[in-house]
Amino acid sequence: MEDIVEAHNALSLEEIKKFMPEEIPLGMVLHTAKSMSNEEFSACFNLIESNMKPMYLRSTIGWSAPEKKKEMAHPAMRFLLLPEEQGFASFMVTEEEGEEVIYCYELQLADAARNSGKGAQLMQVLETFGHNVGLKKAMLTVFSENEGAIRFYKKNGYEVDEISPQGRVTRSGKVRPPSYYILSKEI
């Protein structure tokens, strides 16, 4: 029997739209990397780069523009775009440690769109999409230094997942946090 991940990722854009909530807030539009215009793809990349590049550079992950663009262009990647380049969420139906999940790769907002409820609404649509696909869990990665994002996700019901990297105890007994956490939420 074909699993949810393979079945979903074989669907066309028109077929995956049926998993969207009945009412879509804020004029969000669902896309794949192929269905976006070059301008939309570039705007998403530029938002990631301006918001996140310094954190990537300070992390154990590092920053690579070509690798980030390759990740964004993955055939299974989905994008929820807000109008007027206010922001977006990107996500994938995938498997994590043997469990089928909806994985949020990016939640990026332009400065003017922050603290407006738009991030929470993007996540709500993403979670509803995952639930409608038949998934039980949403997951994401957040840099440990991104305290505002951690507060946001915890406020929205996310917790550190059991597969998340843990802090290391140094010789002096101090706990050094990992570069990032993996958070999850039952949907």
N, C-alpha and C. Protein backbone atom coordinates (compact mmCIF):
# COMPACT_ATOMS: atom_id res chain seq x y z
N MET A 1 0.84 -1.20 0.00
CA MET A 1 0.00 0.00 0.00
C MET A 1 0.88 1.25 0.00
N GLU A 2 0.53 2.20 -0.84
CA GLU A 2 1.31 3.44 -0.95
C GLU A 2 1.09 4.30 0.29
N ASP A 3 2.16 4.89 0.81
CA ASP A 3 2.00 5.71 2.01
C ASP A 3 1.52 7.12 1.66
N ILE A 4 1.13 7.85 2.68
CA ILE A 4 0.59 9.21 2.51
C ILE A 4 1.61 10.11 1.82
N VAL A 5 2.87 10.02 2.22
CA VAL A 5 3.90 10.90 1.68
C VAL A 5 4.02 10.73 0.17
N GLU A 6 4.22 9.49 -0.28
CA GLU A 6 4.37 9.24 -1.72
C GLU A 6 3.12 9.62 -2.49
N ALA A 7 1.96 9.26 -1.96
CA ALA A 7 0.70 9.57 -2.64
C ALA A 7 0.51 11.08 -2.77
N HIS A 8 0.75 11.81 -1.68
CA HIS A 8 0.55 13.26 -1.71
C HIS A 8 1.54 13.93 -2.65
N ASN A 9 2.79 13.54 -2.57
CA ASN A 9 3.82 14.21 -3.36
C ASN A 9 3.72 13.93 -4.85
N ALA A 10 2.90 12.96 -5.24
CA ALA A 10 2.67 12.67 -6.66
C ALA A 10 1.52 13.51 -7.24
N LEU A 11 0.80 14.24 -6.39
CA LEU A 11 -0.36 15.01 -6.84
C LEU A 11 0.04 16.31 -7.53
N SER A 12 -0.83 16.75 -8.43
CA SER A 12 -0.64 18.04 -9.10
C SER A 12 -1.04 19.17 -8.15
N LEU A 13 -0.70 20.39 -8.51
CA LEU A 13 -1.08 21.55 -7.70
C LEU A 13 -2.60 21.62 -7.55
N GLU A 14 -3.33 21.40 -8.62
CA GLU A 14 -4.79 21.45 -8.53
C GLU A 14 -5.32 20.39 -7.58
N GLU A 15 -4.70 19.21 -7.59
CA GLU A 15 -5.14 18.13 -6.69
C GLU A 15 -4.80 18.43 -5.23
N ILE A 16 -3.66 19.07 -4.97
CA ILE A 16 -3.32 19.34 -3.57
C ILE A 16 -4.13 20.50 -3.00
N LYS A 17 -4.68 21.34 -3.86
CA LYS A 17 -5.49 22.46 -3.36
C LYS A 17 -6.71 21.98 -2.59
N LYS A 18 -7.16 20.74 -2.85
CA LYS A 18 -8.34 20.23 -2.14
C LYS A 18 -8.08 20.01 -0.65
N PHE A 19 -6.82 20.01 -0.24
CA PHE A 19 -6.49 19.84 1.17
C PHE A 19 -6.44 21.17 1.94
N MET A 20 -6.61 22.26 1.22
CA MET A 20 -6.62 23.58 1.86
C MET A 20 -7.92 23.75 2.65
N PRO A 21 -7.88 24.58 3.70
CA PRO A 21 -9.12 24.86 4.43
C PRO A 21 -10.16 25.49 3.50
N GLU A 22 -11.43 25.34 3.86
CA GLU A 22 -12.50 25.91 3.02
C GLU A 22 -12.36 27.41 2.90
N GLU A 23 -12.06 28.07 4.01
CA GLU A 23 -11.86 29.52 3.99
C GLU A 23 -10.39 29.81 4.20
N ILE A 24 -9.80 30.49 3.24
CA ILE A 24 -8.37 30.80 3.30
C ILE A 24 -8.22 32.28 3.64
N PRO A 25 -7.61 32.58 4.79
CA PRO A 25 -7.50 33.98 5.22
C PRO A 25 -6.42 34.77 4.48
N LEU A 26 -6.54 36.06 4.54
CA LEU A 26 -5.49 37.00 4.12
C LEU A 26 -5.09 36.92 2.65
N GLY A 27 -5.91 36.31 1.82
CA GLY A 27 -5.56 36.22 0.41
C GLY A 27 -4.38 35.30 0.12
N MET A 28 -4.13 34.33 1.01
CA MET A 28 -3.03 33.38 0.80
C MET A 28 -3.25 32.59 -0.48
N VAL A 29 -2.15 32.26 -1.13
CA VAL A 29 -2.20 31.45 -2.35
C VAL A 29 -1.23 30.28 -2.19
N LEU A 30 -1.70 29.08 -2.53
CA LEU A 30 -0.87 27.88 -2.48
C LEU A 30 -0.11 27.73 -3.78
N HIS A 31 1.18 27.43 -3.66
CA HIS A 31 2.04 27.23 -4.84
C HIS A 31 2.99 26.08 -4.59
N THR A 32 3.55 25.60 -5.69
CA THR A 32 4.75 24.77 -5.66
C THR A 32 5.87 25.66 -6.21
N ALA A 33 7.10 25.20 -6.13
CA ALA A 33 8.20 26.00 -6.68
C ALA A 33 7.99 26.22 -8.18
N LYS A 34 7.47 25.22 -8.87
CA LYS A 34 7.25 25.34 -10.32
C LYS A 34 6.12 26.29 -10.67
N SER A 35 5.11 26.39 -9.80
CA SER A 35 3.96 27.24 -10.15
C SER A 35 4.19 28.71 -9.80
N MET A 36 5.21 28.98 -8.99
CA MET A 36 5.52 30.38 -8.66
C MET A 36 6.24 31.05 -9.82
N SER A 37 6.03 32.34 -9.93
CA SER A 37 6.81 33.10 -10.91
C SER A 37 8.24 33.23 -10.39
N ASN A 38 9.17 33.56 -11.27
CA ASN A 38 10.56 33.80 -10.85
C ASN A 38 10.62 34.91 -9.81
N GLU A 39 9.78 35.93 -9.98
CA GLU A 39 9.76 37.05 -9.04
C GLU A 39 9.30 36.60 -7.66
N GLU A 40 8.26 35.74 -7.61
CA GLU A 40 7.77 35.23 -6.32
C GLU A 40 8.83 34.36 -5.64
N PHE A 41 9.46 33.48 -6.42
CA PHE A 41 10.51 32.62 -5.87
C PHE A 41 11.65 33.47 -5.32
N SER A 42 12.08 34.47 -6.08
CA SER A 42 13.16 35.36 -5.64
C SER A 42 12.77 36.14 -4.40
N ALA A 43 11.53 36.61 -4.34
CA ALA A 43 11.07 37.36 -3.17
C ALA A 43 11.10 36.48 -1.92
N CYS A 44 10.71 35.22 -2.06
CA CYS A 44 10.76 34.28 -0.92
C CYS A 44 12.21 34.06 -0.50
N PHE A 45 13.08 33.79 -1.46
CA PHE A 45 14.49 33.58 -1.13
C PHE A 45 15.08 34.82 -0.46
N ASN A 46 14.81 35.99 -1.01
CA ASN A 46 15.35 37.23 -0.45
C ASN A 46 14.88 37.46 0.98
N LEU A 47 13.65 37.10 1.28
CA LEU A 47 13.13 37.24 2.64
C LEU A 47 13.85 36.29 3.59
N ILE A 48 14.07 35.06 3.15
CA ILE A 48 14.84 34.11 3.97
C ILE A 48 16.24 34.66 4.22
N GLU A 49 16.88 35.11 3.15
CA GLU A 49 18.26 35.59 3.27
C GLU A 49 18.34 36.79 4.22
N SER A 50 17.44 37.75 4.07
CA SER A 50 17.51 38.94 4.93
C SER A 50 17.14 38.63 6.37
N ASN A 51 16.19 37.73 6.58
CA ASN A 51 15.77 37.40 7.95
C ASN A 51 16.69 36.41 8.65
N MET A 52 17.27 35.47 7.89
CA MET A 52 17.89 34.31 8.53
C MET A 52 19.39 34.11 8.30
N LYS A 53 19.96 34.71 7.27
CA LYS A 53 21.36 34.44 6.94
C LYS A 53 22.29 34.61 8.13
N PRO A 54 22.18 35.70 8.92
CA PRO A 54 23.10 35.83 10.06
C PRO A 54 22.99 34.66 11.05
N MET A 55 21.77 34.17 11.29
CA MET A 55 21.60 33.04 12.21
C MET A 55 22.19 31.77 11.63
N TYR A 56 21.99 31.55 10.34
CA TYR A 56 22.60 30.39 9.68
C TYR A 56 24.12 30.44 9.83
N LEU A 57 24.70 31.61 9.61
CA LEU A 57 26.16 31.75 9.68
C LEU A 57 26.69 31.48 11.08
N ARG A 58 25.92 31.81 12.11
CA ARG A 58 26.35 31.57 13.49
C ARG A 58 26.07 30.15 13.96
N SER A 59 25.32 29.39 13.18
CA SER A 59 24.92 28.04 13.59
C SER A 59 25.90 26.99 13.07
N THR A 60 25.66 25.75 13.46
CA THR A 60 26.45 24.64 12.95
C THR A 60 26.03 24.27 11.53
N ILE A 61 24.90 24.81 11.07
CA ILE A 61 24.39 24.50 9.73
C ILE A 61 25.14 25.27 8.66
N GLY A 62 25.42 26.54 8.91
CA GLY A 62 26.08 27.39 7.92
C GLY A 62 25.10 27.86 6.86
N TRP A 63 25.53 28.82 6.03
CA TRP A 63 24.67 29.40 4.99
C TRP A 63 25.22 29.07 3.61
N SER A 64 24.34 28.61 2.74
CA SER A 64 24.68 28.39 1.34
C SER A 64 23.47 28.79 0.51
N ALA A 65 23.59 29.88 -0.23
CA ALA A 65 22.47 30.33 -1.08
C ALA A 65 22.07 29.25 -2.09
N PRO A 66 23.03 28.61 -2.78
CA PRO A 66 22.62 27.56 -3.73
C PRO A 66 21.88 26.39 -3.05
N GLU A 67 22.33 25.99 -1.87
CA GLU A 67 21.66 24.90 -1.16
C GLU A 67 20.26 25.29 -0.72
N LYS A 68 20.09 26.53 -0.25
CA LYS A 68 18.76 27.00 0.17
C LYS A 68 17.82 27.04 -1.03
N LYS A 69 18.31 27.53 -2.17
CA LYS A 69 17.47 27.56 -3.38
C LYS A 69 17.11 26.15 -3.84
N LYS A 70 18.06 25.22 -3.71
CA LYS A 70 17.79 23.83 -4.08
C LYS A 70 16.71 23.25 -3.18
N GLU A 71 16.80 23.51 -1.88
CA GLU A 71 15.77 23.06 -0.93
C GLU A 71 14.41 23.64 -1.31
N MET A 72 14.38 24.94 -1.60
CA MET A 72 13.13 25.60 -1.96
C MET A 72 12.52 25.02 -3.23
N ALA A 73 13.36 24.58 -4.17
CA ALA A 73 12.89 24.09 -5.46
C ALA A 73 12.52 22.61 -5.45
N HIS A 74 12.62 21.96 -4.30
CA HIS A 74 12.28 20.53 -4.22
C HIS A 74 10.86 20.32 -4.74
N PRO A 75 10.64 19.29 -5.56
CA PRO A 75 9.31 19.08 -6.15
C PRO A 75 8.19 18.91 -5.13
N ALA A 76 8.50 18.44 -3.92
CA ALA A 76 7.46 18.22 -2.91
C ALA A 76 7.22 19.45 -2.02
N MET A 77 8.01 20.51 -2.21
CA MET A 77 7.86 21.71 -1.38
C MET A 77 6.61 22.48 -1.80
N ARG A 78 5.86 22.91 -0.79
CA ARG A 78 4.65 23.71 -1.00
C ARG A 78 4.87 25.07 -0.37
N PHE A 79 4.23 26.09 -0.92
CA PHE A 79 4.37 27.46 -0.43
C PHE A 79 3.00 28.07 -0.22
N LEU A 80 2.80 28.71 0.92
CA LEU A 80 1.63 29.55 1.16
C LEU A 80 2.13 30.98 1.11
N LEU A 81 1.73 31.71 0.09
CA LEU A 81 2.21 33.08 -0.09
C LEU A 81 1.17 34.08 0.37
N LEU A 82 1.62 35.07 1.12
CA LEU A 82 0.78 36.22 1.43
C LEU A 82 0.91 37.22 0.28
N PRO A 83 -0.12 38.02 0.03
CA PRO A 83 -0.02 39.00 -1.06
C PRO A 83 1.01 40.08 -0.75
N GLU A 84 1.47 40.73 -1.80
CA GLU A 84 2.36 41.89 -1.72
C GLU A 84 3.66 41.61 -0.97
N GLU A 85 4.16 40.37 -1.12
CA GLU A 85 5.44 39.98 -0.53
C GLU A 85 5.51 40.23 0.98
N GLN A 86 4.35 40.08 1.66
CA GLN A 86 4.33 40.25 3.12
C GLN A 86 4.99 39.07 3.84
N GLY A 87 4.98 37.91 3.20
CA GLY A 87 5.58 36.75 3.82
C GLY A 87 5.06 35.46 3.23
N PHE A 88 5.54 34.35 3.79
CA PHE A 88 5.14 33.03 3.29
C PHE A 88 5.51 31.96 4.31
N ALA A 89 4.91 30.80 4.10
CA ALA A 89 5.32 29.58 4.80
C ALA A 89 5.62 28.56 3.71
N SER A 90 6.67 27.77 3.91
CA SER A 90 6.94 26.65 3.01
C SER A 90 6.92 25.38 3.84
N PHE A 91 6.43 24.32 3.22
CA PHE A 91 6.25 23.07 3.96
C PHE A 91 6.27 21.88 3.02
N MET A 92 6.42 20.72 3.63
CA MET A 92 6.48 19.48 2.86
C MET A 92 5.80 18.38 3.65
N VAL A 93 5.06 17.54 2.95
CA VAL A 93 4.56 16.30 3.53
C VAL A 93 5.71 15.32 3.41
N THR A 94 6.21 14.84 4.55
CA THR A 94 7.43 14.03 4.53
C THR A 94 7.41 13.03 5.67
N GLU A 95 8.49 12.31 5.81
CA GLU A 95 8.64 11.34 6.89
C GLU A 95 9.80 11.78 7.77
N GLU A 96 9.58 11.73 9.06
CA GLU A 96 10.61 12.10 10.03
C GLU A 96 10.66 10.99 11.07
N GLU A 97 11.79 10.31 11.14
CA GLU A 97 11.96 9.21 12.10
C GLU A 97 10.82 8.18 11.98
N GLY A 98 10.46 7.84 10.74
CA GLY A 98 9.45 6.82 10.50
C GLY A 98 8.01 7.29 10.66
N GLU A 99 7.81 8.56 10.92
CA GLU A 99 6.46 9.10 11.12
C GLU A 99 6.13 10.10 10.00
N GLU A 100 4.94 9.96 9.42
CA GLU A 100 4.50 10.89 8.38
C GLU A 100 4.06 12.18 9.03
N VAL A 101 4.63 13.31 8.58
CA VAL A 101 4.36 14.61 9.21
C VAL A 101 4.26 15.69 8.13
N ILE A 102 3.73 16.84 8.54
CA ILE A 102 3.86 18.04 7.72
C ILE A 102 4.98 18.84 8.36
N TYR A 103 6.02 19.13 7.58
CA TYR A 103 7.21 19.80 8.11
C TYR A 103 7.26 21.22 7.56
N CYS A 104 7.23 22.18 8.46
CA CYS A 104 7.33 23.59 8.08
C CYS A 104 8.81 23.92 7.90
N TYR A 105 9.20 24.23 6.68
CA TYR A 105 10.59 24.58 6.40
C TYR A 105 10.87 26.05 6.67
N GLU A 106 9.91 26.88 6.34
CA GLU A 106 10.09 28.32 6.54
C GLU A 106 8.78 28.96 6.97
N LEU A 107 8.88 29.90 7.87
CA LEU A 107 7.81 30.84 8.17
C LEU A 107 8.50 32.19 8.19
N GLN A 108 8.31 32.97 7.14
CA GLN A 108 9.03 34.23 6.99
C GLN A 108 8.05 35.36 6.76
N LEU A 109 8.22 36.43 7.51
CA LEU A 109 7.39 37.61 7.36
C LEU A 109 8.27 38.84 7.15
N ALA A 110 7.79 39.74 6.30
CA ALA A 110 8.45 41.04 6.15
C ALA A 110 8.26 41.80 7.45
N ASP A 111 9.15 42.73 7.74
CA ASP A 111 9.08 43.50 9.00
C ASP A 111 7.69 44.07 9.25
N ALA A 112 7.08 44.65 8.23
CA ALA A 112 5.78 45.31 8.39
C ALA A 112 4.65 44.33 8.71
N ALA A 113 4.85 43.04 8.43
CA ALA A 113 3.80 42.04 8.66
C ALA A 113 3.94 41.32 10.00
N ARG A 114 5.01 41.60 10.72
CA ARG A 114 5.23 40.91 12.00
C ARG A 114 4.29 41.43 13.08
N ASN A 115 4.03 40.58 14.05
CA ASN A 115 3.17 40.91 15.20
C ASN A 115 1.79 41.38 14.77
N SER A 116 1.30 40.79 13.68
CA SER A 116 -0.01 41.17 13.16
C SER A 116 -0.98 39.99 13.14
N GLY A 117 -0.52 38.82 13.59
CA GLY A 117 -1.35 37.62 13.54
C GLY A 117 -1.19 36.83 12.25
N LYS A 118 -0.45 37.37 11.29
CA LYS A 118 -0.31 36.70 10.00
C LYS A 118 0.50 35.41 10.10
N GLY A 119 1.52 35.41 10.93
CA GLY A 119 2.31 34.19 11.12
C GLY A 119 1.47 33.08 11.71
N ALA A 120 0.66 33.40 12.70
CA ALA A 120 -0.21 32.40 13.32
C ALA A 120 -1.23 31.87 12.31
N GLN A 121 -1.73 32.76 11.45
CA GLN A 121 -2.70 32.31 10.45
C GLN A 121 -2.04 31.43 9.39
N LEU A 122 -0.82 31.76 8.99
CA LEU A 122 -0.09 30.89 8.06
C LEU A 122 0.09 29.50 8.67
N MET A 123 0.49 29.46 9.94
CA MET A 123 0.70 28.17 10.60
C MET A 123 -0.62 27.40 10.73
N GLN A 124 -1.69 28.10 11.01
CA GLN A 124 -2.99 27.45 11.15
C GLN A 124 -3.42 26.81 9.83
N VAL A 125 -3.23 27.52 8.73
CA VAL A 125 -3.57 26.95 7.41
C VAL A 125 -2.67 25.75 7.12
N LEU A 126 -1.37 25.87 7.40
CA LEU A 126 -0.43 24.77 7.19
C LEU A 126 -0.86 23.54 8.01
N GLU A 127 -1.21 23.75 9.27
CA GLU A 127 -1.63 22.64 10.14
C GLU A 127 -2.93 22.01 9.66
N THR A 128 -3.89 22.84 9.24
CA THR A 128 -5.15 22.32 8.72
C THR A 128 -4.91 21.51 7.45
N PHE A 129 -4.02 22.01 6.59
CA PHE A 129 -3.64 21.29 5.38
C PHE A 129 -3.12 19.90 5.77
N GLY A 130 -2.18 19.85 6.72
CA GLY A 130 -1.62 18.57 7.17
C GLY A 130 -2.68 17.64 7.72
N HIS A 131 -3.57 18.18 8.53
CA HIS A 131 -4.66 17.38 9.11
C HIS A 131 -5.55 16.83 7.99
N ASN A 132 -5.87 17.67 7.00
CA ASN A 132 -6.72 17.24 5.89
C ASN A 132 -6.06 16.17 5.03
N VAL A 133 -4.74 16.18 4.98
CA VAL A 133 -4.00 15.14 4.25
C VAL A 133 -4.07 13.82 5.01
N GLY A 134 -4.28 13.88 6.33
CA GLY A 134 -4.34 12.69 7.15
C GLY A 134 -3.17 12.54 8.09
N LEU A 135 -2.42 13.63 8.28
CA LEU A 135 -1.25 13.61 9.15
C LEU A 135 -1.65 13.95 10.58
N LYS A 136 -0.86 13.48 11.52
CA LYS A 136 -1.17 13.69 12.94
C LYS A 136 -0.23 14.69 13.61
N LYS A 137 0.84 15.10 12.90
CA LYS A 137 1.87 15.90 13.55
C LYS A 137 2.46 16.93 12.59
N ALA A 138 2.71 18.12 13.13
CA ALA A 138 3.44 19.17 12.41
C ALA A 138 4.79 19.33 13.09
N MET A 139 5.84 19.56 12.30
CA MET A 139 7.18 19.73 12.85
C MET A 139 7.86 20.91 12.18
N LEU A 140 8.90 21.42 12.84
CA LEU A 140 9.69 22.52 12.29
C LEU A 140 11.01 22.59 13.01
N THR A 141 11.94 23.31 12.42
CA THR A 141 13.25 23.57 13.01
C THR A 141 13.34 25.05 13.31
N VAL A 142 13.86 25.39 14.50
CA VAL A 142 14.03 26.79 14.87
C VAL A 142 15.41 26.96 15.51
N PHE A 143 16.11 28.02 15.13
CA PHE A 143 17.41 28.28 15.74
C PHE A 143 17.23 28.60 17.22
N SER A 144 18.11 28.06 18.05
CA SER A 144 17.99 28.26 19.50
C SER A 144 18.17 29.73 19.88
N GLU A 145 18.90 30.49 19.06
CA GLU A 145 19.08 31.91 19.37
C GLU A 145 17.86 32.75 18.99
N ASN A 146 16.93 32.19 18.23
CA ASN A 146 15.77 32.93 17.76
C ASN A 146 14.66 32.86 18.82
N GLU A 147 14.89 33.57 19.91
CA GLU A 147 14.00 33.49 21.07
C GLU A 147 12.58 33.96 20.75
N GLY A 148 12.45 34.97 19.90
CA GLY A 148 11.12 35.44 19.52
C GLY A 148 10.33 34.36 18.80
N ALA A 149 10.99 33.65 17.89
CA ALA A 149 10.32 32.56 17.16
C ALA A 149 9.97 31.42 18.10
N ILE A 150 10.86 31.10 19.03
CA ILE A 150 10.58 30.02 19.99
C ILE A 150 9.35 30.38 20.82
N ARG A 151 9.28 31.62 21.30
CA ARG A 151 8.10 32.06 22.06
C ARG A 151 6.83 31.95 21.21
N PHE A 152 6.92 32.40 19.96
CA PHE A 152 5.78 32.34 19.04
C PHE A 152 5.30 30.89 18.88
N TYR A 153 6.21 29.99 18.59
CA TYR A 153 5.81 28.60 18.36
C TYR A 153 5.26 27.96 19.62
N LYS A 154 5.87 28.23 20.77
CA LYS A 154 5.35 27.66 22.02
C LYS A 154 3.95 28.21 22.32
N LYS A 155 3.74 29.49 22.07
CA LYS A 155 2.42 30.11 22.25
C LYS A 155 1.38 29.43 21.35
N ASN A 156 1.84 28.93 20.21
CA ASN A 156 0.95 28.27 19.26
C ASN A 156 0.94 26.75 19.40
N GLY A 157 1.39 26.26 20.56
CA GLY A 157 1.23 24.85 20.89
C GLY A 157 2.38 23.92 20.54
N TYR A 158 3.49 24.45 20.08
CA TYR A 158 4.63 23.61 19.73
C TYR A 158 5.51 23.37 20.95
N GLU A 159 6.10 22.17 20.99
CA GLU A 159 7.01 21.79 22.07
C GLU A 159 8.26 21.17 21.46
N VAL A 160 9.33 21.14 22.25
CA VAL A 160 10.56 20.50 21.78
C VAL A 160 10.26 19.01 21.56
N ASP A 161 10.57 18.52 20.37
CA ASP A 161 10.29 17.13 20.01
C ASP A 161 11.36 16.21 20.59
N GLU A 162 10.99 14.96 20.78
CA GLU A 162 11.93 13.98 21.34
C GLU A 162 13.16 13.76 20.46
N ILE A 163 13.07 14.06 19.16
CA ILE A 163 14.24 13.87 18.28
C ILE A 163 15.11 15.13 18.19
N SER A 164 14.73 16.18 18.89
CA SER A 164 15.48 17.43 18.84
C SER A 164 16.86 17.27 19.46
N PRO A 165 17.86 17.96 18.90
CA PRO A 165 19.16 17.98 19.57
C PRO A 165 19.01 18.55 20.98
N GLN A 166 19.82 18.07 21.88
CA GLN A 166 19.78 18.52 23.27
C GLN A 166 21.00 19.39 23.55
N GLY A 167 20.94 20.14 24.63
CA GLY A 167 22.08 20.94 25.05
C GLY A 167 23.23 20.05 25.51
N ARG A 168 24.43 20.61 25.45
CA ARG A 168 25.62 19.88 25.92
C ARG A 168 26.10 20.49 27.21
N VAL A 169 26.51 19.65 28.14
CA VAL A 169 27.07 20.14 29.39
C VAL A 169 28.58 20.31 29.18
N THR A 170 29.06 21.53 29.44
CA THR A 170 30.49 21.81 29.27
C THR A 170 31.25 21.32 30.50
N ARG A 171 32.58 21.37 30.43
CA ARG A 171 33.40 20.94 31.57
C ARG A 171 33.11 21.74 32.83
N SER A 172 32.70 22.99 32.65
CA SER A 172 32.40 23.83 33.81
C SER A 172 31.01 23.55 34.38
N GLY A 173 30.26 22.65 33.72
CA GLY A 173 28.93 22.31 34.21
C GLY A 173 27.81 23.15 33.61
N LYS A 174 28.19 24.11 32.78
CA LYS A 174 27.18 24.95 32.12
C LYS A 174 26.59 24.20 30.93
N VAL A 175 25.28 24.39 30.70
CA VAL A 175 24.62 23.74 29.57
C VAL A 175 24.67 24.69 28.37
N ARG A 176 25.26 24.20 27.29
CA ARG A 176 25.31 24.97 26.04
C ARG A 176 24.18 24.46 25.14
N PRO A 177 23.27 25.36 24.74
CA PRO A 177 22.16 24.90 23.90
C PRO A 177 22.65 24.46 22.52
N PRO A 178 21.88 23.60 21.85
CA PRO A 178 22.24 23.24 20.48
C PRO A 178 22.02 24.44 19.56
N SER A 179 22.49 24.38 18.33
CA SER A 179 22.27 25.47 17.36
C SER A 179 20.80 25.64 17.03
N TYR A 180 20.06 24.53 17.09
CA TYR A 180 18.65 24.57 16.73
C TYR A 180 17.88 23.53 17.52
N TYR A 181 16.57 23.72 17.55
CA TYR A 181 15.65 22.76 18.15
C TYR A 181 14.69 22.28 17.07
N ILE A 182 14.20 21.08 17.24
CA ILE A 182 13.10 20.58 16.41
C ILE A 182 11.87 20.61 17.30
N LEU A 183 10.87 21.35 16.86
CA LEU A 183 9.62 21.48 17.60
C LEU A 183 8.52 20.71 16.88
N SER A 184 7.52 20.30 17.64
CA SER A 184 6.40 19.58 17.02
C SER A 184 5.11 19.87 17.76
N LYS A 185 4.03 19.52 17.08
CA LYS A 185 2.68 19.74 17.62
C LYS A 185 1.76 18.68 17.03
N GLU A 186 0.93 18.10 17.88
CA GLU A 186 -0.09 17.17 17.37
C GLU A 186 -1.15 17.98 16.65
N ILE A 187 -1.54 17.52 15.47
CA ILE A 187 -2.61 18.19 14.72
C ILE A 187 -3.74 17.22 14.53
